[in-house]
Amino acid sequence: MVCVGTRLGVSVLVLCFTLAPSPGQAYIYAHYSNMTSMLFEDLPSLFGFPLPKDGLMGVLVEARPQNACTPIDPPPVSPTPSDPTTNSTTKYIVLIRRYDCNFDIKVLHAQQAGYSAAIVHNMFSNSLLSMGSSNDTIANDIEIPSVFTSYYASQILRSFIIPEKGAFVILKPEFSFPLSYYLIPFTGVVGMIIIVMVVILVVRCVQHRKRLRKNRLSKEQLKKIPTHKFAKGDEYDVCAICLDEYEEGDKLRVLPCSHAYHCKCVDPWLTLTKKTCPVCKQRVTRPNPEYSESSDSEEEAGPREADGEEEGALTSPASSSPPPNYSSTVTSAEAAATHDEYCTPVEDSDEGTDDEEAHPSDNDTTELIGRGALRV
């Protein structure tokens, strides 16, 4: 059971590390010529607002200057001034190259210029980086989202998307399962299960130890069992545990069931296994034998006292044999008078010497008739 709990705990830890939140990816969806679309991978920055779940769509514009280490030009004005709402509803995304300054400064300049988002691309490398901030004050001022993409993606975007009229890009985060909302309750439930299993295991271990202690003899109880030094002529001959014959001076432990064993053989059995005789399986200790014997004797004596005078008459020394024997052999006073020789042997055999001394009468049948034990 301990192994099961340990394996479960290790599995939970592995699952937690596996499902731990990591920097999620995002994608750049580029659309041009109203029919062609391309997909590029990127990584969201560690500062600023996150990308909306539905994505952020806008027109892509290259930064001037390209590194955006200094304030950059604002997005272009709408080509249709007759519609004043066009420029306000269109969002612009700026494309910035890496190096020359920190990422947070580049994105802050894009935000100050009026762009809705920023794409920072690598230079001569397609590896993706998680953009971090170098100044907490600047990072706290940044509100627009930003992503980091590869050099290859920047070349495609610069060659096909920016010059194309009507082309646009969509910055959309990768769908990610909200692990933080489910991992904590799951970990709590698994932790409670492990705690319950450990508690049950401890309780079972305690119960098992109590059961073993109850079925074994303590050292104090073992000392109460008598020992005997073997001498020639004793009734004990062979130890039933080690099957060796007893030798002169061997120390034997005699159990209440009269079975004897070597102390070195039977003591470990009684103290470590069971407090019963290894052969007959009788218990070597009893709760209170004196109480049980006295109660039994009282129960036996109770019915005798309840019988009273009637039982006293039947158990008198002069009539040790039960009355039916006499009634079956002697049925009338005439039969008793004519068969004295028959009754005399019965008297001698039933009563013995003590009965004759106690009752010197020679005619027991007549005495019984006088007492009313026999009917005429």
Protein backbone atom coordinates (compact mmCIF):
# COMPACT_ATOMS: atom_id res chain seq x y z
CA MET A 1 0.00 0.00 0.00
CA VAL A 2 2.93 2.32 0.71
CA CYS A 3 4.34 1.60 -2.76
CA VAL A 4 0.99 2.48 -4.34
CA GLY A 5 0.89 5.82 -2.49
CA THR A 6 4.49 6.60 -3.46
CA ARG A 7 3.90 5.82 -7.12
CA LEU A 8 0.76 7.93 -7.12
CA GLY A 9 2.65 10.87 -5.60
CA VAL A 10 5.44 10.60 -8.17
CA SER A 11 2.87 10.44 -10.98
CA VAL A 12 1.18 13.59 -9.68
CA LEU A 13 4.50 15.47 -9.56
CA VAL A 14 5.37 14.40 -13.10
CA LEU A 15 1.92 15.48 -14.28
CA CYS A 16 2.28 18.85 -12.55
CA PHE A 17 5.63 19.52 -14.22
CA THR A 18 4.25 18.35 -17.55
CA LEU A 19 1.15 20.52 -17.36
CA ALA A 20 2.89 23.53 -15.84
CA PRO A 21 2.22 26.70 -17.78
CA SER A 22 4.94 27.55 -20.29
CA PRO A 23 5.26 30.46 -22.67
CA GLY A 24 2.41 29.91 -25.12
CA GLN A 25 2.86 30.39 -28.83
CA ALA A 26 0.92 32.70 -31.07
CA TYR A 27 0.44 32.90 -34.82
CA ILE A 28 0.55 35.60 -37.43
CA TYR A 29 -2.13 35.11 -40.08
CA ALA A 30 -1.21 37.12 -43.19
CA HIS A 31 -3.89 37.71 -45.86
CA TYR A 32 -3.30 39.39 -49.23
CA SER A 33 -4.90 39.40 -52.70
CA ASN A 34 -8.16 38.55 -50.91
CA MET A 35 -7.50 34.84 -51.41
CA THR A 36 -4.01 33.93 -50.19
CA SER A 37 -3.15 33.48 -46.53
CA MET A 38 0.05 32.53 -44.76
CA LEU A 39 0.77 31.43 -41.23
CA PHE A 40 3.87 32.33 -39.17
CA GLU A 41 4.81 31.30 -35.66
CA ASP A 42 5.73 33.81 -32.99
CA LEU A 43 6.03 34.16 -29.22
CA PRO A 44 4.15 36.75 -27.14
CA SER A 45 6.21 39.11 -25.01
CA LEU A 46 6.39 38.93 -21.23
CA PHE A 47 5.19 42.51 -20.77
CA GLY A 48 2.23 44.53 -21.98
CA PHE A 49 -1.32 43.33 -22.50
CA PRO A 50 -1.89 39.80 -23.86
CA LEU A 51 -3.40 39.21 -27.26
CA PRO A 52 -7.20 39.00 -27.27
CA LYS A 53 -8.62 35.50 -27.63
CA ASP A 54 -10.36 36.40 -30.87
CA GLY A 55 -7.16 37.87 -32.29
CA LEU A 56 -6.04 41.38 -33.25
CA MET A 57 -6.44 42.35 -36.92
CA GLY A 58 -4.66 45.31 -38.47
CA VAL A 59 -2.68 46.72 -41.35
CA LEU A 60 1.05 46.01 -41.20
CA VAL A 61 3.45 49.00 -41.39
CA GLU A 62 7.26 48.96 -41.21
CA ALA A 63 8.80 51.12 -38.50
CA ARG A 64 10.76 54.28 -39.30
CA PRO A 65 13.49 53.95 -38.05
CA GLN A 66 13.39 50.18 -38.33
CA ASN A 67 14.95 49.43 -34.95
CA ALA A 68 12.48 51.77 -33.12
CA CYS A 69 15.14 52.73 -30.57
CA THR A 70 14.01 56.32 -31.02
CA PRO A 71 10.48 57.67 -31.50
CA ILE A 72 9.04 56.33 -34.76
CA ASP A 73 6.69 57.77 -37.33
CA PRO A 74 2.96 57.40 -36.61
CA PRO A 75 0.74 55.17 -38.76
CA PRO A 76 -0.36 56.61 -42.13
CA VAL A 77 -3.47 58.71 -42.48
CA SER A 78 -6.47 57.15 -44.22
CA PRO A 79 -6.47 57.78 -48.00
CA THR A 80 -10.19 58.62 -47.90
CA PRO A 81 -10.56 61.81 -45.90
CA SER A 82 -14.21 62.02 -46.88
CA ASP A 83 -14.87 59.19 -44.42
CA PRO A 84 -13.52 60.40 -41.06
CA THR A 85 -14.38 57.13 -39.33
CA THR A 86 -12.16 54.98 -41.56
CA ASN A 87 -8.86 55.95 -39.93
CA SER A 88 -10.29 55.59 -36.42
CA THR A 89 -11.61 52.07 -37.00
CA THR A 90 -8.53 50.73 -38.82
CA LYS A 91 -5.84 49.32 -36.59
CA TYR A 92 -2.16 49.40 -37.49
CA ILE A 93 0.56 46.96 -36.50
CA VAL A 94 4.21 47.97 -36.73
CA LEU A 95 7.07 45.71 -37.83
CA ILE A 96 10.31 46.34 -35.89
CA ARG A 97 13.71 44.71 -36.24
CA ARG A 98 15.76 43.39 -33.35
CA TYR A 99 18.99 44.78 -31.74
CA ASP A 100 20.34 48.26 -30.90
CA CYS A 101 18.09 48.63 -27.80
CA ASN A 102 15.85 46.71 -25.42
CA PHE A 103 12.53 45.19 -26.43
CA ASP A 104 10.44 47.23 -23.98
CA ILE A 105 11.81 50.52 -25.39
CA LYS A 106 10.92 49.47 -28.95
CA VAL A 107 7.34 48.56 -27.99
CA LEU A 108 6.93 51.71 -25.91
CA HIS A 109 7.88 53.87 -28.92
CA ALA A 110 5.34 51.95 -31.02
CA GLN A 111 2.65 52.61 -28.43
CA GLN A 112 3.54 56.31 -28.26
CA ALA A 113 3.31 56.54 -32.05
CA GLY A 114 -0.26 55.22 -31.99
CA TYR A 115 0.10 51.58 -33.13
CA SER A 116 -2.25 48.92 -31.78
CA ALA A 117 0.40 46.15 -31.66
CA ALA A 118 4.05 45.50 -32.50
CA ILE A 119 5.88 42.66 -34.24
CA VAL A 120 9.61 42.41 -33.46
CA HIS A 121 11.54 40.09 -35.77
CA ASN A 122 14.90 38.38 -35.39
CA MET A 123 17.88 39.21 -37.58
CA PHE A 124 19.41 36.46 -39.72
CA SER A 125 17.96 33.78 -37.47
CA ASN A 126 14.69 31.90 -37.30
CA SER A 127 14.83 31.15 -33.56
CA LEU A 128 12.06 32.59 -31.41
CA LEU A 129 12.62 34.43 -28.13
CA SER A 130 10.37 35.47 -25.26
CA MET A 131 10.82 39.22 -25.04
CA GLY A 132 11.45 40.48 -21.53
CA SER A 133 11.69 43.96 -20.06
CA SER A 134 14.79 45.66 -18.67
CA ASN A 135 12.94 48.36 -16.74
CA ASP A 136 9.85 47.72 -14.64
CA THR A 137 8.69 51.31 -14.98
CA ILE A 138 8.74 51.11 -18.78
CA ALA A 139 7.12 47.68 -18.73
CA ASN A 140 4.26 48.97 -16.57
CA ASP A 141 3.61 51.80 -19.04
CA ILE A 142 3.24 49.43 -22.01
CA GLU A 143 -0.36 48.52 -22.80
CA ILE A 144 -0.28 47.26 -26.39
CA PRO A 145 0.47 43.56 -27.11
CA SER A 146 3.67 42.55 -28.90
CA VAL A 147 5.12 39.36 -30.38
CA PHE A 148 8.51 38.11 -31.59
CA THR A 149 8.86 36.28 -34.92
CA SER A 150 11.60 34.88 -37.14
CA TYR A 151 13.72 36.57 -39.77
CA TYR A 152 12.12 34.46 -42.50
CA ALA A 153 8.64 35.65 -41.51
CA SER A 154 9.81 39.29 -41.57
CA GLN A 155 11.13 38.86 -45.11
CA ILE A 156 7.80 37.49 -46.33
CA LEU A 157 5.82 40.14 -44.53
CA ARG A 158 8.04 42.93 -45.83
CA SER A 159 7.97 41.61 -49.43
CA PHE A 160 4.32 40.60 -49.85
CA ILE A 161 2.11 42.01 -47.11
CA ILE A 162 3.30 45.56 -46.60
CA PRO A 163 3.34 46.58 -50.31
CA GLU A 164 0.02 44.86 -51.05
CA LYS A 165 -2.97 47.14 -50.91
CA GLY A 166 -5.74 45.70 -48.77
CA ALA A 167 -3.47 43.13 -47.14
CA PHE A 168 -3.73 42.69 -43.40
CA VAL A 169 -2.45 40.47 -40.64
CA ILE A 170 -4.13 38.91 -37.63
CA LEU A 171 -2.22 38.29 -34.41
CA LYS A 172 -3.96 35.40 -32.71
CA PRO A 173 -2.85 33.48 -29.61
CA GLU A 174 -2.61 29.72 -29.71
CA PHE A 175 -5.54 28.04 -28.05
CA SER A 176 -4.35 26.87 -24.68
CA PHE A 177 -6.23 24.81 -22.18
CA PRO A 178 -6.68 26.84 -18.95
CA LEU A 179 -4.54 24.55 -16.85
CA SER A 180 -4.22 26.98 -13.97
CA TYR A 181 -7.96 26.75 -13.33
CA TYR A 182 -8.08 22.94 -13.32
CA LEU A 183 -4.61 21.96 -12.12
CA ILE A 184 -5.03 23.46 -8.64
CA PRO A 185 -8.34 21.65 -7.85
CA PHE A 186 -6.98 18.44 -9.39
CA THR A 187 -3.83 18.68 -7.27
CA GLY A 188 -5.94 19.35 -4.19
CA VAL A 189 -8.14 16.31 -4.82
CA VAL A 190 -5.14 14.06 -5.44
CA GLY A 191 -3.47 15.44 -2.31
CA MET A 192 -6.57 14.68 -0.24
CA ILE A 193 -6.65 11.14 -1.64
CA ILE A 194 -3.01 10.63 -0.70
CA ILE A 195 -3.62 12.01 2.80
CA VAL A 196 -6.64 9.70 3.28
CA MET A 197 -4.60 6.73 2.04
CA VAL A 198 -1.78 7.56 4.46
CA VAL A 199 -4.23 7.92 7.37
CA ILE A 200 -5.89 4.59 6.51
CA LEU A 201 -2.48 2.97 6.23
CA VAL A 202 -1.41 4.28 9.64
CA VAL A 203 -4.67 3.13 11.24
CA ARG A 204 -4.36 -0.32 9.70
CA CYS A 205 -0.76 -0.61 10.86
CA VAL A 206 -1.74 0.37 14.41
CA GLN A 207 -4.62 -2.12 14.41
CA HIS A 208 -2.35 -4.84 13.06
CA ARG A 209 0.26 -4.20 15.75
CA LYS A 210 -2.42 -4.24 18.46
CA ARG A 211 -3.79 -7.51 17.09
CA LEU A 212 -0.32 -9.05 17.08
CA ARG A 213 0.37 -7.77 20.58
CA LYS A 214 -2.93 -9.20 21.77
CA ASN A 215 -2.16 -12.63 20.32
CA ARG A 216 1.32 -12.78 21.82
CA LEU A 217 2.60 -13.24 25.33
CA SER A 218 4.35 -10.43 27.11
CA LYS A 219 7.50 -11.05 29.10
CA GLU A 220 5.56 -10.73 32.35
CA GLN A 221 3.03 -13.34 31.23
CA LEU A 222 5.81 -15.64 30.05
CA LYS A 223 7.46 -15.55 33.47
CA LYS A 224 4.26 -16.84 35.06
CA ILE A 225 4.42 -20.10 33.09
CA PRO A 226 6.38 -22.62 35.19
CA THR A 227 9.69 -24.13 34.07
CA HIS A 228 11.15 -27.54 34.88
CA LYS A 229 14.63 -29.00 34.79
CA PHE A 230 14.58 -32.29 32.99
CA ALA A 231 15.81 -35.33 34.90
CA LYS A 232 15.90 -38.94 33.92
CA GLY A 233 12.65 -40.67 34.56
CA ASP A 234 10.45 -37.66 33.73
CA GLU A 235 7.41 -38.26 31.57
CA TYR A 236 8.69 -35.85 28.91
CA ASP A 237 10.87 -37.36 26.21
CA VAL A 238 11.04 -35.32 22.96
CA CYS A 239 10.55 -31.61 22.21
CA ALA A 240 7.83 -31.34 19.57
CA ILE A 241 9.40 -28.20 18.10
CA CYS A 242 13.05 -29.15 17.56
CA LEU A 243 12.39 -32.94 17.72
CA ASP A 244 15.43 -33.45 19.98
CA GLU A 245 15.32 -35.72 22.99
CA TYR A 246 15.56 -34.05 26.35
CA GLU A 247 18.86 -34.31 28.15
CA GLU A 248 19.73 -34.10 31.79
CA GLY A 249 19.41 -30.51 33.02
CA ASP A 250 17.48 -29.15 30.05
CA LYS A 251 15.23 -26.27 30.98
CA LEU A 252 11.67 -27.04 29.94
CA ARG A 253 8.62 -24.83 29.98
CA VAL A 254 5.49 -26.70 30.96
CA LEU A 255 2.30 -25.22 29.49
CA PRO A 256 -1.11 -25.45 31.21
CA CYS A 257 -2.06 -28.22 28.77
CA SER A 258 0.78 -30.35 30.24
CA HIS A 259 2.86 -30.16 27.07
CA ALA A 260 6.50 -29.32 27.68
CA TYR A 261 9.07 -27.85 25.31
CA HIS A 262 12.55 -26.43 25.44
CA CYS A 263 12.40 -22.86 26.70
CA LYS A 264 14.58 -21.74 23.82
CA CYS A 265 12.14 -23.37 21.39
CA VAL A 266 8.74 -22.41 22.75
CA ASP A 267 9.51 -18.92 24.13
CA PRO A 268 9.93 -17.31 20.67
CA TRP A 269 6.71 -19.00 19.56
CA LEU A 270 4.74 -17.62 22.51
CA THR A 271 6.21 -14.09 22.39
CA LEU A 272 6.42 -13.60 18.62
CA THR A 273 3.73 -15.79 17.05
CA LYS A 274 0.80 -16.91 19.20
CA LYS A 275 0.08 -17.56 22.84
CA THR A 276 -1.20 -21.07 22.20
CA CYS A 277 0.35 -24.49 22.53
CA PRO A 278 2.08 -25.42 19.27
CA VAL A 279 0.61 -28.94 19.40
CA CYS A 280 -2.90 -28.78 20.84
CA LYS A 281 -3.54 -25.07 20.13
CA GLN A 282 -4.90 -24.44 23.62
CA ARG A 283 -4.40 -20.95 25.01
CA VAL A 284 -1.72 -20.69 27.64
CA THR A 285 -3.51 -17.81 29.41
CA ARG A 286 -7.11 -17.36 30.47
CA PRO A 287 -8.94 -14.15 31.39
CA ASN A 288 -9.99 -15.19 34.93
CA PRO A 289 -10.24 -18.95 35.53
CA GLU A 290 -11.13 -18.56 39.23
CA TYR A 291 -14.15 -16.45 38.46
CA SER A 292 -15.39 -18.86 35.83
CA GLU A 293 -14.99 -21.88 38.15
CA SER A 294 -16.79 -20.18 41.06
CA SER A 295 -19.62 -19.08 38.81
CA ASP A 296 -19.97 -22.59 37.44
CA SER A 297 -20.06 -24.08 40.93
CA GLU A 298 -22.72 -21.57 41.98
CA GLU A 299 -24.84 -22.41 38.97
CA GLU A 300 -24.58 -26.11 39.76
CA ALA A 301 -25.42 -25.58 43.43
CA GLY A 302 -28.47 -23.45 42.68
CA PRO A 303 -30.79 -26.20 41.39
CA ARG A 304 -29.76 -28.50 44.23
CA GLU A 305 -30.86 -26.06 46.89
CA ALA A 306 -34.12 -25.41 45.06
CA ASP A 307 -35.15 -29.06 45.31
CA GLY A 308 -35.18 -28.90 49.14
CA GLU A 309 -36.54 -31.76 51.19
CA GLU A 310 -37.54 -33.92 48.27
CA GLU A 311 -33.95 -34.26 47.04
CA GLY A 312 -32.75 -34.86 50.62
CA ALA A 313 -35.10 -37.82 50.94
CA LEU A 314 -33.97 -39.37 47.68
CA THR A 315 -30.24 -38.97 48.40
CA SER A 316 -30.27 -40.35 51.97
CA PRO A 317 -27.64 -43.00 52.71
CA ALA A 318 -30.33 -45.59 53.39
CA SER A 319 -31.75 -45.22 49.91
CA SER A 320 -28.81 -44.60 47.61
CA SER A 321 -30.60 -46.49 44.85
CA PRO A 322 -33.42 -44.55 43.14
CA PRO A 323 -37.00 -45.36 44.24
CA PRO A 324 -38.10 -46.76 40.87
CA ASN A 325 -35.74 -49.69 41.40
CA TYR A 326 -37.48 -50.61 44.59
CA SER A 327 -40.96 -50.01 43.25
CA SER A 328 -40.23 -52.23 40.30
CA THR A 329 -38.95 -55.09 42.47
CA VAL A 330 -41.20 -54.73 45.50
CA THR A 331 -44.82 -53.85 44.74
CA SER A 332 -46.61 -54.74 47.96
CA ALA A 333 -46.04 -55.35 51.65
CA GLU A 334 -46.70 -59.08 51.17
CA ALA A 335 -44.05 -59.33 48.48
CA ALA A 336 -41.61 -57.52 50.78
CA ALA A 337 -42.32 -60.00 53.61
CA THR A 338 -41.96 -63.14 51.50
CA HIS A 339 -38.80 -62.05 49.66
CA ASP A 340 -36.41 -60.93 52.43
CA GLU A 341 -33.66 -62.98 50.92
CA TYR A 342 -33.99 -61.09 47.63
CA CYS A 343 -33.89 -57.66 49.25
CA THR A 344 -30.90 -58.38 51.44
CA PRO A 345 -28.36 -58.73 48.56
CA VAL A 346 -29.62 -55.50 47.05
CA GLU A 347 -29.03 -53.74 50.34
CA ASP A 348 -25.52 -55.14 50.66
CA SER A 349 -24.51 -54.22 47.13
CA ASP A 350 -26.03 -50.78 47.07
CA GLU A 351 -25.23 -49.36 50.44
CA GLY A 352 -21.95 -50.83 51.62
CA THR A 353 -20.31 -50.67 55.03
CA ASP A 354 -20.99 -47.01 55.72
CA ASP A 355 -24.71 -47.41 55.09
CA GLU A 356 -24.97 -50.30 57.56
CA GLU A 357 -23.27 -48.31 60.30
CA ALA A 358 -25.51 -45.31 59.70
CA HIS A 359 -28.76 -47.37 59.56
CA PRO A 360 -28.59 -50.57 61.63
CA SER A 361 -32.11 -51.62 60.57
CA ASP A 362 -32.11 -55.03 58.86
CA ASN A 363 -35.31 -54.54 56.95
CA ASP A 364 -34.77 -51.62 54.55
CA THR A 365 -37.96 -52.35 52.68
CA THR A 366 -40.06 -51.99 55.80
CA GLU A 367 -38.34 -48.72 56.59
CA LEU A 368 -39.07 -47.38 53.13
CA ILE A 369 -42.72 -48.36 53.50
CA GLY A 370 -42.85 -46.51 56.81
CA ARG A 371 -41.39 -43.35 55.27
CA GLY A 372 -43.91 -43.44 52.48
CA ALA A 373 -41.38 -43.95 49.70
CA LEU A 374 -43.13 -47.14 48.62
CA ARG A 375 -46.82 -47.58 48.03
CA VAL A 376 -48.59 -50.67 49.35
